């Protein structure tokens, strides 16, 4: 991971005095970024700045109460006047004083909403104004939460999830605004699970801390590392080889013969159950236990639902859903037998989360929505069985491969002629990042799109 293009540039990080913000400003300064750290307790940021005084970049402390609009505006004005144009904004500040909906405290509701939604929106507007005025290829990162995708059943935690659901929607709305205006700015939502910071401790009296918090969680550095990865992706990216064409895999193996590892080709038709089972048996017998499975194979022959071809439907389902499930079962059986701390990666699609307007591509999104559900169901099975195996879904947008030509023909290729696409390398790099995370960190879902993509 390298932030070379941001060396000497200005990054603004809110909530920078503790937890995730503290770890993030340290990571950015070490990469050579000039960081403006915002917090009410600015003296804490000054202490961190002293720790970092010999690093490549520099940390500057700015005192700011994010519940006060005028303070935010004045702080951003001061940052741009003293440090220069903004290239990165990380909206990290967030809070959740314990409060319910039935008999809750209105002042606490307002504090949560003012900080988590309004302040985030004001900071974003001001940062984008600076980026736009200076034609900067910038990046906005919202520190969201898994509570922005699924409410958590915790006492006193009723309003916070609503604010994080709002952040999820604001991220997508902002992305669409940016694309409509043709701005070279990326926006990313990072949604961690439980992180071991003083966030929850500040919500509850020590005697009332939920049992949930007795379990170990992510470290603040884990989230900071994820943000650094997101920022390090190329400007155009917005975050045993099994094949039926065995000769193609052999060509790749020959090209890689001087690498640190080795590639072994195995011929396998993923629509045939027995071939899959025999192939996995052969892999284990010849190479040994499996540590990683990447379910990358997928097909989408052109077909509709109203008058579609049953054979094509079956091909899509057999490859994208059943083949994936069989490969996963066999890999996990081997990992389980050898007590392997393994990793399963499903190469999903943005069409596994939303439905694009693509004629004759009616069944493929159904198969990818199935993969989204299978990922979560597998994660729960793994956790119930206490297996040391991670599961991740990686969902790219359009990728420049043979996919359209093979599945949709000349008409399909023509449809994508003027559409900006990711390269296959972009997706591969994302998977390598996912696999490189520490053992205790599991990235559940990572969506990767081309900067400026409208779907």
Protein backbone atom coordinates (compact mmCIF):
# COMPACT_ATOMS: atom_id res chain seq x y z
CA UNK A 1 0.00 0.00 0.00
CA UNK A 2 1.37 3.40 -0.95
CA UNK A 3 -0.03 6.90 -0.53
CA UNK A 4 2.64 8.43 -2.76
CA UNK A 5 0.16 10.63 -4.64
CA UNK A 6 -0.97 12.17 -1.33
CA UNK A 7 2.51 12.94 0.06
CA UNK A 8 2.55 16.60 1.13
CA UNK A 9 -1.20 16.90 0.51
CA UNK A 10 -3.73 17.86 3.16
CA UNK A 11 -5.99 15.32 4.87
CA UNK A 12 -8.70 16.28 7.35
CA UNK A 13 -9.62 13.69 10.00
CA UNK A 14 -12.48 14.34 12.42
CA UNK A 15 -12.55 12.72 15.84
CA UNK A 16 -8.75 12.54 15.70
CA UNK A 17 -7.95 12.58 19.43
CA UNK A 18 -8.64 8.92 20.26
CA UNK A 19 -9.51 5.47 18.95
CA UNK A 20 -9.71 5.01 15.19
CA UNK A 21 -8.96 8.69 14.54
CA UNK A 22 -5.78 8.55 16.61
CA UNK A 23 -4.48 5.48 14.77
CA UNK A 24 -5.44 6.93 11.40
CA UNK A 25 -3.66 10.27 11.81
CA UNK A 26 -0.54 8.38 12.92
CA UNK A 27 -0.69 6.15 9.83
CA UNK A 28 -1.23 9.08 7.45
CA UNK A 29 1.58 11.20 8.92
CA UNK A 30 3.97 8.25 8.64
CA UNK A 31 3.04 8.06 4.93
CA UNK A 32 4.03 11.72 4.45
CA UNK A 33 0.56 13.29 4.49
CA UNK A 34 -0.10 16.69 6.10
CA UNK A 35 -2.97 16.00 8.51
CA UNK A 36 -5.45 18.37 10.11
CA UNK A 37 -6.84 16.56 13.16
CA UNK A 38 -10.16 17.85 14.50
CA UNK A 39 -11.51 17.25 18.01
CA UNK A 40 -12.92 19.09 20.99
CA UNK A 41 -9.91 17.83 23.00
CA UNK A 42 -7.29 19.34 20.68
CA UNK A 43 -4.60 19.07 23.38
CA UNK A 44 -4.67 15.30 22.86
CA UNK A 45 -3.95 15.80 19.16
CA UNK A 46 -1.05 18.09 20.05
CA UNK A 47 0.38 15.27 22.20
CA UNK A 48 0.11 12.86 19.24
CA UNK A 49 1.77 15.48 17.01
CA UNK A 50 4.75 15.54 19.38
CA UNK A 51 5.06 11.75 19.11
CA UNK A 52 5.13 12.09 15.31
CA UNK A 53 7.47 15.07 14.98
CA UNK A 54 10.20 13.04 13.25
CA UNK A 55 7.89 11.38 10.69
CA UNK A 56 7.57 12.26 6.98
CA UNK A 57 4.33 14.18 7.34
CA UNK A 58 2.99 16.53 9.99
CA UNK A 59 -0.06 16.58 12.26
CA UNK A 60 -1.81 19.88 13.05
CA UNK A 61 -4.39 20.13 15.84
CA UNK A 62 -7.65 22.03 15.31
CA UNK A 63 -10.15 22.46 18.14
CA UNK A 64 -13.69 21.96 16.82
CA UNK A 65 -17.08 21.04 18.31
CA UNK A 66 -18.87 19.22 15.50
CA UNK A 67 -22.31 19.96 16.95
CA UNK A 68 -21.76 23.66 16.15
CA UNK A 69 -22.13 24.58 12.48
CA UNK A 70 -20.19 27.85 12.73
CA UNK A 71 -17.21 26.14 14.38
CA UNK A 72 -17.03 23.60 11.55
CA UNK A 73 -17.15 26.32 8.88
CA UNK A 74 -14.53 28.45 10.67
CA UNK A 75 -12.25 25.42 11.15
CA UNK A 76 -12.34 24.42 7.48
CA UNK A 77 -11.63 28.04 6.49
CA UNK A 78 -8.63 28.07 8.83
CA UNK A 79 -7.35 24.72 7.50
CA UNK A 80 -7.40 25.84 3.87
CA UNK A 81 -5.83 29.21 4.73
CA UNK A 82 -2.98 27.75 6.83
CA UNK A 83 -2.33 24.33 5.24
CA UNK A 84 -3.73 24.61 1.72
CA UNK A 85 -6.37 22.79 -0.37
CA UNK A 86 -7.89 19.59 1.01
CA UNK A 87 -7.22 16.28 -0.77
CA UNK A 88 -8.62 13.80 1.78
CA UNK A 89 -11.47 13.97 4.27
CA UNK A 90 -12.12 11.15 6.73
CA UNK A 91 -15.39 11.64 8.58
CA UNK A 92 -14.47 9.56 11.61
CA UNK A 93 -16.20 11.41 14.46
CA UNK A 94 -19.26 9.66 15.81
CA UNK A 95 -21.01 9.21 19.11
CA UNK A 96 -23.92 7.39 20.70
CA UNK A 97 -24.84 8.32 24.26
CA UNK A 98 -27.14 5.59 25.60
CA UNK A 99 -30.77 6.48 24.83
CA UNK A 100 -33.99 4.73 23.85
CA UNK A 101 -36.84 5.72 21.52
CA UNK A 102 -39.79 5.00 23.82
CA UNK A 103 -38.66 7.26 26.66
CA UNK A 104 -35.44 8.76 25.33
CA UNK A 105 -33.68 12.04 25.98
CA UNK A 106 -34.29 14.56 23.16
CA UNK A 107 -31.00 16.37 23.81
CA UNK A 108 -29.12 13.08 23.34
CA UNK A 109 -31.04 12.35 20.12
CA UNK A 110 -30.09 15.77 18.79
CA UNK A 111 -26.43 15.31 19.81
CA UNK A 112 -26.22 11.97 17.95
CA UNK A 113 -27.90 13.29 14.80
CA UNK A 114 -25.97 16.58 14.79
CA UNK A 115 -22.62 14.77 15.04
CA UNK A 116 -23.20 11.63 12.97
CA UNK A 117 -25.28 13.11 10.12
CA UNK A 118 -25.23 16.91 9.96
CA UNK A 119 -21.57 17.45 10.88
CA UNK A 120 -20.53 14.71 8.45
CA UNK A 121 -22.54 16.44 5.71
CA UNK A 122 -21.14 19.90 6.48
CA UNK A 123 -17.54 18.64 6.60
CA UNK A 124 -18.11 16.83 3.30
CA UNK A 125 -19.58 19.93 1.63
CA UNK A 126 -16.67 22.11 2.74
CA UNK A 127 -14.02 19.56 1.70
CA UNK A 128 -15.59 19.08 -1.73
CA UNK A 129 -15.79 22.85 -2.23
CA UNK A 130 -12.01 23.02 -1.67
CA UNK A 131 -11.34 20.03 -3.94
CA UNK A 132 -13.60 21.42 -6.66
CA UNK A 133 -12.04 24.91 -6.53
CA UNK A 134 -8.56 23.40 -6.94
CA UNK A 135 -9.49 20.59 -9.37
CA UNK A 136 -8.18 18.02 -6.87
CA UNK A 137 -8.58 14.28 -7.38
CA UNK A 138 -9.69 13.87 -3.79
CA UNK A 139 -11.16 11.16 -1.61
CA UNK A 140 -13.94 11.30 1.00
CA UNK A 141 -14.12 8.42 3.50
CA UNK A 142 -17.09 8.02 5.84
CA UNK A 143 -16.43 5.80 8.86
CA UNK A 144 -19.78 4.06 8.93
CA UNK A 145 -20.67 0.93 10.95
CA UNK A 146 -22.20 -2.51 10.50
CA UNK A 147 -25.08 -0.84 12.37
CA UNK A 148 -25.56 1.16 9.15
CA UNK A 149 -26.59 -2.06 7.42
CA UNK A 150 -28.27 -4.06 10.22
CA UNK A 151 -29.71 -2.74 13.52
CA UNK A 152 -28.08 -4.27 16.61
CA UNK A 153 -30.15 -5.44 19.58
CA UNK A 154 -28.36 -3.48 22.31
CA UNK A 155 -30.06 -1.60 25.14
CA UNK A 156 -29.67 2.16 24.72
CA UNK A 157 -28.59 1.76 21.11
CA UNK A 158 -31.79 2.69 19.28
CA UNK A 159 -30.91 5.99 17.60
CA UNK A 160 -27.30 5.37 16.53
CA UNK A 161 -28.19 2.72 13.86
CA UNK A 162 -30.60 5.19 12.22
CA UNK A 163 -27.78 7.72 11.87
CA UNK A 164 -25.50 5.09 10.33
CA UNK A 165 -28.22 3.94 7.92
CA UNK A 166 -28.37 7.62 6.94
CA UNK A 167 -24.59 7.58 6.32
CA UNK A 168 -25.04 4.54 4.05
CA UNK A 169 -27.61 6.45 1.99
CA UNK A 170 -25.61 9.71 2.07
CA UNK A 171 -22.56 7.90 0.69
CA UNK A 172 -24.48 6.64 -2.32
CA UNK A 173 -26.29 9.96 -2.86
CA UNK A 174 -22.95 11.80 -2.73
CA UNK A 175 -21.38 9.36 -5.20
CA UNK A 176 -24.21 10.04 -7.65
CA UNK A 177 -23.96 13.82 -7.20
CA UNK A 178 -20.19 13.67 -7.77
CA UNK A 179 -20.62 11.60 -10.92
CA UNK A 180 -23.40 13.85 -12.30
CA UNK A 181 -21.10 16.83 -11.85
CA UNK A 182 -18.11 15.04 -13.41
CA UNK A 183 -15.91 15.64 -10.36
CA UNK A 184 -12.69 13.55 -9.95
CA UNK A 185 -13.52 12.77 -6.32
CA UNK A 186 -13.94 9.33 -4.77
CA UNK A 187 -16.24 8.50 -1.87
CA UNK A 188 -16.03 5.37 0.28
CA UNK A 189 -17.99 4.06 3.25
CA UNK A 190 -16.01 1.85 5.66
CA UNK A 191 -18.24 -0.15 8.02
CA UNK A 192 -16.39 -1.83 10.91
CA UNK A 193 -17.97 -4.13 13.45
CA UNK A 194 -17.23 -3.80 17.16
CA UNK A 195 -13.94 -1.93 17.68
CA UNK A 196 -12.10 -1.94 21.02
CA UNK A 197 -12.12 1.79 21.76
CA UNK A 198 -13.73 3.87 24.50
CA UNK A 199 -16.77 4.44 22.23
CA UNK A 200 -19.06 1.97 24.05
CA UNK A 201 -17.46 2.53 27.44
CA UNK A 202 -18.51 6.19 27.20
CA UNK A 203 -22.11 5.05 26.55
CA UNK A 204 -22.62 2.88 29.62
CA UNK A 205 -21.74 2.78 33.29
CA UNK A 206 -19.17 0.01 33.77
CA UNK A 207 -21.74 -2.18 35.58
CA UNK A 208 -24.15 -1.91 32.63
CA UNK A 209 -21.71 -2.82 29.84
CA UNK A 210 -23.38 -5.42 27.56
CA UNK A 211 -21.94 -8.96 27.56
CA UNK A 212 -21.33 -8.41 23.82
CA UNK A 213 -18.45 -6.11 24.73
CA UNK A 214 -16.69 -8.79 26.77
CA UNK A 215 -15.69 -10.43 23.49
CA UNK A 216 -12.59 -9.24 21.71
CA UNK A 217 -13.21 -6.91 18.80
CA UNK A 218 -11.27 -5.17 16.06
CA UNK A 219 -8.40 -2.92 17.03
CA UNK A 220 -8.53 0.75 16.04
CA UNK A 221 -5.40 0.13 13.94
CA UNK A 222 -7.26 -2.52 11.91
CA UNK A 223 -9.78 0.09 10.78
CA UNK A 224 -7.05 2.67 10.17
CA UNK A 225 -5.19 0.16 7.99
CA UNK A 226 -8.38 -0.42 6.00
CA UNK A 227 -8.77 3.32 5.37
CA UNK A 228 -5.12 3.56 4.26
CA UNK A 229 -5.74 0.70 1.82
CA UNK A 230 -8.83 2.46 0.44
CA UNK A 231 -6.85 5.68 -0.05
CA UNK A 232 -3.97 3.79 -1.69
CA UNK A 233 -6.04 2.36 -4.55
CA UNK A 234 -5.31 3.77 -8.04
CA UNK A 235 -7.10 6.96 -9.06
CA UNK A 236 -9.53 5.11 -11.35
CA UNK A 237 -10.57 2.57 -8.70
CA UNK A 238 -13.38 3.67 -6.35
CA UNK A 239 -11.72 0.37 -3.04
CA UNK A 240 -4.38 -23.80 -7.81
CA UNK A 241 -6.07 -22.44 -10.94
CA UNK A 242 -9.30 -24.24 -11.83
CA UNK A 243 -10.71 -23.79 -15.35
CA UNK A 244 -12.28 -25.71 -18.19
CA UNK A 245 -9.59 -24.22 -20.44
CA UNK A 246 -6.66 -25.97 -18.79
CA UNK A 247 -4.23 -24.87 -21.50
CA UNK A 248 -4.87 -21.21 -20.62
CA UNK A 249 -3.95 -21.85 -16.99
CA UNK A 250 -0.82 -23.70 -18.11
CA UNK A 251 0.20 -20.63 -20.14
CA UNK A 252 -0.11 -18.51 -16.98
CA UNK A 253 1.88 -21.11 -15.03
CA UNK A 254 4.72 -20.89 -17.56
CA UNK A 255 4.77 -17.09 -17.30
CA UNK A 256 5.00 -17.35 -13.49
CA UNK A 257 7.62 -20.09 -13.26
CA UNK A 258 10.23 -17.75 -11.76
CA UNK A 259 7.87 -16.41 -9.07
CA UNK A 260 7.93 -17.22 -5.35
CA UNK A 261 5.00 -19.64 -5.64
CA UNK A 262 3.78 -22.01 -8.32
CA UNK A 263 0.57 -22.36 -10.34
CA UNK A 264 -0.84 -25.83 -11.06
CA UNK A 265 -3.61 -26.16 -13.68
CA UNK A 266 -6.62 -28.43 -13.06
CA UNK A 267 -9.22 -29.01 -15.76
CA UNK A 268 -12.74 -28.83 -14.31
CA UNK A 269 -16.26 -28.10 -15.58
CA UNK A 270 -18.03 -26.42 -12.66
CA UNK A 271 -21.45 -27.44 -13.97
CA UNK A 272 -20.57 -31.09 -13.28
CA UNK A 273 -20.67 -32.07 -9.61
CA UNK A 274 -18.45 -35.15 -9.96
CA UNK A 275 -15.72 -33.21 -11.77
CA UNK A 276 -15.62 -30.69 -8.93
CA UNK A 277 -15.39 -33.42 -6.28
CA UNK A 278 -12.69 -35.32 -8.19
CA UNK A 279 -10.71 -32.12 -8.77
CA UNK A 280 -10.68 -31.16 -5.10
CA UNK A 281 -9.61 -34.69 -4.18
CA UNK A 282 -6.76 -34.48 -6.69
CA UNK A 283 -5.67 -31.04 -5.45
CA UNK A 284 -5.45 -32.25 -1.86
CA UNK A 285 -3.63 -35.45 -2.83
CA UNK A 286 -1.04 -33.69 -5.00
CA UNK A 287 -0.61 -30.29 -3.31
CA UNK A 288 -1.79 -30.75 0.28
CA UNK A 289 -4.34 -28.98 2.51
CA UNK A 290 -6.26 -25.97 1.17
CA UNK A 291 -5.83 -22.60 2.90
CA UNK A 292 -7.55 -20.25 0.43
CA UNK A 293 -10.49 -20.67 -1.94
CA UNK A 294 -11.43 -17.91 -4.38
CA UNK A 295 -14.75 -18.65 -6.07
CA UNK A 296 -14.13 -16.54 -9.16
CA UNK A 297 -15.85 -18.53 -11.94
CA UNK A 298 -19.10 -17.02 -13.20
CA UNK A 299 -21.21 -17.04 -16.36
CA UNK A 300 -24.07 -14.91 -17.68
CA UNK A 301 -25.26 -16.11 -21.10
CA UNK A 302 -27.84 -13.65 -22.46
CA UNK A 303 -31.32 -14.74 -21.43
CA UNK A 304 -34.57 -13.20 -20.22
CA UNK A 305 -37.16 -14.45 -17.73
CA UNK A 306 -40.35 -14.03 -19.74
CA UNK A 307 -39.26 -16.17 -22.68
CA UNK A 308 -35.80 -17.37 -21.61
CA UNK A 309 -33.83 -20.52 -22.37
CA UNK A 310 -34.01 -23.07 -19.52
CA UNK A 311 -30.60 -24.51 -20.46
CA UNK A 312 -29.01 -21.08 -20.02
CA UNK A 313 -30.80 -20.57 -16.71
CA UNK A 314 -29.46 -23.89 -15.48
CA UNK A 315 -25.93 -23.05 -16.68
CA UNK A 316 -25.98 -19.78 -14.71
CA UNK A 317 -27.35 -21.35 -11.53
CA UNK A 318 -25.16 -24.46 -11.76
CA UNK A 319 -21.98 -22.37 -12.14
CA UNK A 320 -22.65 -19.26 -10.08
CA UNK A 321 -24.56 -20.81 -7.17
CA UNK A 322 -24.26 -24.61 -6.99
CA UNK A 323 -20.66 -24.84 -8.27
CA UNK A 324 -19.65 -22.12 -5.82
CA UNK A 325 -21.39 -23.93 -2.96
CA UNK A 326 -19.80 -27.31 -3.74
CA UNK A 327 -16.31 -25.79 -4.00
CA UNK A 328 -16.89 -24.01 -0.70
CA UNK A 329 -18.10 -27.17 1.05
CA UNK A 330 -15.08 -29.18 -0.13
CA UNK A 331 -12.58 -26.47 0.80
CA UNK A 332 -14.08 -26.03 4.27
CA UNK A 333 -14.14 -29.80 4.85
CA UNK A 334 -10.40 -29.84 4.18
CA UNK A 335 -9.72 -26.74 6.29
CA UNK A 336 -11.76 -28.22 9.14
CA UNK A 337 -9.95 -31.59 8.97
CA UNK A 338 -6.58 -29.83 9.21
CA UNK A 339 -7.62 -27.07 11.65
CA UNK A 340 -6.58 -24.55 9.01
CA UNK A 341 -7.10 -20.83 9.55
CA UNK A 342 -8.43 -20.46 6.02
CA UNK A 343 -10.13 -17.82 3.91
CA UNK A 344 -12.99 -18.16 1.40
CA UNK A 345 -13.48 -15.32 -1.09
CA UNK A 346 -16.59 -15.17 -3.27
CA UNK A 347 -16.13 -12.93 -6.31
CA UNK A 348 -19.60 -11.42 -6.32
CA UNK A 349 -20.82 -8.37 -8.31
CA UNK A 350 -22.46 -5.00 -7.76
CA UNK A 351 -25.42 -6.78 -9.36
CA UNK A 352 -25.52 -8.92 -6.22
CA UNK A 353 -26.71 -5.82 -4.35
CA UNK A 354 -28.70 -3.85 -6.93
CA UNK A 355 -30.39 -4.55 -10.26
CA UNK A 356 -28.87 -2.82 -13.29
CA UNK A 357 -30.84 -2.07 -16.45
CA UNK A 358 -29.27 -4.64 -18.77
CA UNK A 359 -31.53 -6.35 -21.35
CA UNK A 360 -31.10 -10.14 -21.43
CA UNK A 361 -29.20 -10.10 -18.15
CA UNK A 362 -32.18 -11.02 -15.98
CA UNK A 363 -30.99 -14.24 -14.33
CA UNK A 364 -27.36 -13.32 -13.57
CA UNK A 365 -28.30 -10.70 -10.90
CA UNK A 366 -30.50 -13.33 -9.24
CA UNK A 367 -27.51 -15.67 -9.00
CA UNK A 368 -25.32 -12.90 -7.55
CA UNK A 369 -27.96 -11.87 -5.01
CA UNK A 370 -27.88 -15.54 -4.00
CA UNK A 371 -24.11 -15.25 -3.51
CA UNK A 372 -24.64 -12.24 -1.22
CA UNK A 373 -27.01 -14.31 0.94
CA UNK A 374 -24.79 -17.41 0.79
CA UNK A 375 -21.84 -15.37 2.06
CA UNK A 376 -23.73 -14.23 5.14
CA UNK A 377 -25.30 -17.65 5.78
CA UNK A 378 -21.86 -19.28 5.52
CA UNK A 379 -20.37 -16.73 7.91
CA UNK A 380 -23.05 -17.59 10.48
CA UNK A 381 -22.52 -21.34 10.03
CA UNK A 382 -18.76 -20.89 10.45
CA UNK A 383 -19.27 -18.86 13.63
CA UNK A 384 -21.77 -21.36 15.09
CA UNK A 385 -19.22 -24.11 14.52
CA UNK A 386 -16.32 -22.00 15.90
CA UNK A 387 -14.22 -22.57 12.79
CA UNK A 388 -11.14 -20.32 12.28
CA UNK A 389 -12.17 -19.55 8.69
CA UNK A 390 -12.85 -16.12 7.18
CA UNK A 391 -15.42 -15.45 4.45
CA UNK A 392 -15.46 -12.36 2.21
CA UNK A 393 -17.60 -11.23 -0.70
CA UNK A 394 -15.82 -8.95 -3.21
CA UNK A 395 -18.26 -7.12 -5.48
CA UNK A 396 -16.73 -5.39 -8.52
CA UNK A 397 -18.58 -3.19 -10.97
CA UNK A 398 -17.93 -3.57 -14.69
CA UNK A 399 -14.57 -5.21 -15.40
CA UNK A 400 -12.69 -5.19 -18.71
CA UNK A 401 -12.48 -8.94 -19.41
CA UNK A 402 -13.88 -11.37 -21.99
CA UNK A 403 -17.05 -11.63 -19.90
CA UNK A 404 -19.30 -9.45 -22.10
CA UNK A 405 -18.03 -10.95 -25.36
CA UNK A 406 -18.39 -14.55 -24.18
CA UNK A 407 -21.78 -14.13 -22.52
CA UNK A 408 -23.52 -11.33 -24.42
CA UNK A 409 -21.97 -11.46 -27.89
CA UNK A 410 -21.19 -8.54 -30.20
CA UNK A 411 -24.26 -6.58 -29.10
CA UNK A 412 -23.20 -6.87 -25.45
CA UNK A 413 -19.66 -5.71 -26.24
CA UNK A 414 -21.04 -2.70 -28.10
CA UNK A 415 -23.18 -1.78 -25.10
CA UNK A 416 -20.04 -1.52 -22.94
CA UNK A 417 -17.90 0.36 -25.51
CA UNK A 418 -18.23 3.75 -23.82
CA UNK A 419 -18.57 2.53 -20.24
CA UNK A 420 -15.53 3.06 -17.95
CA UNK A 421 -14.42 -0.32 -16.62
CA UNK A 422 -12.14 -1.69 -13.94
CA UNK A 423 -9.18 -3.79 -15.02
CA UNK A 424 -8.89 -7.41 -13.89
CA UNK A 425 -5.75 -6.33 -11.97
CA UNK A 426 -7.83 -3.93 -9.88
CA UNK A 427 -10.04 -6.77 -8.68
CA UNK A 428 -7.07 -9.09 -8.13
CA UNK A 429 -5.33 -6.40 -6.03
CA UNK A 430 -8.48 -6.06 -3.93
CA UNK A 431 -8.56 -9.79 -3.25
CA UNK A 432 -4.87 -9.80 -2.31
CA UNK A 433 -5.59 -6.98 0.17
CA UNK A 434 -8.50 -8.93 1.69
CA UNK A 435 -6.28 -12.01 2.09
CA UNK A 436 -3.47 -9.91 3.62
CA UNK A 437 -5.50 -8.67 6.59
CA UNK A 438 -4.53 -9.97 10.07
CA UNK A 439 -6.11 -13.22 11.28
CA UNK A 440 -8.55 -11.45 13.61
CA UNK A 441 -9.84 -9.09 10.88
CA UNK A 442 -12.59 -10.30 8.55
CA UNK A 443 -13.76 -8.01 5.76
CA UNK A 444 -17.27 -9.26 5.05
CA UNK A 445 -18.03 -7.29 1.91
CA UNK A 446 -15.87 -5.08 -0.30
CA UNK A 447 -17.44 -3.28 -3.26
CA UNK A 448 -15.03 -2.02 -5.94
CA UNK A 449 -16.14 0.36 -8.68
CA UNK A 450 -14.53 2.49 -11.34
CA UNK A 451 -14.28 6.16 -10.36
CA UNK A 452 -17.17 7.98 -12.05
CA UNK A 453 -19.23 4.84 -12.73
CA UNK A 454 -22.92 5.63 -12.73
CA UNK A 455 -24.20 2.19 -11.68
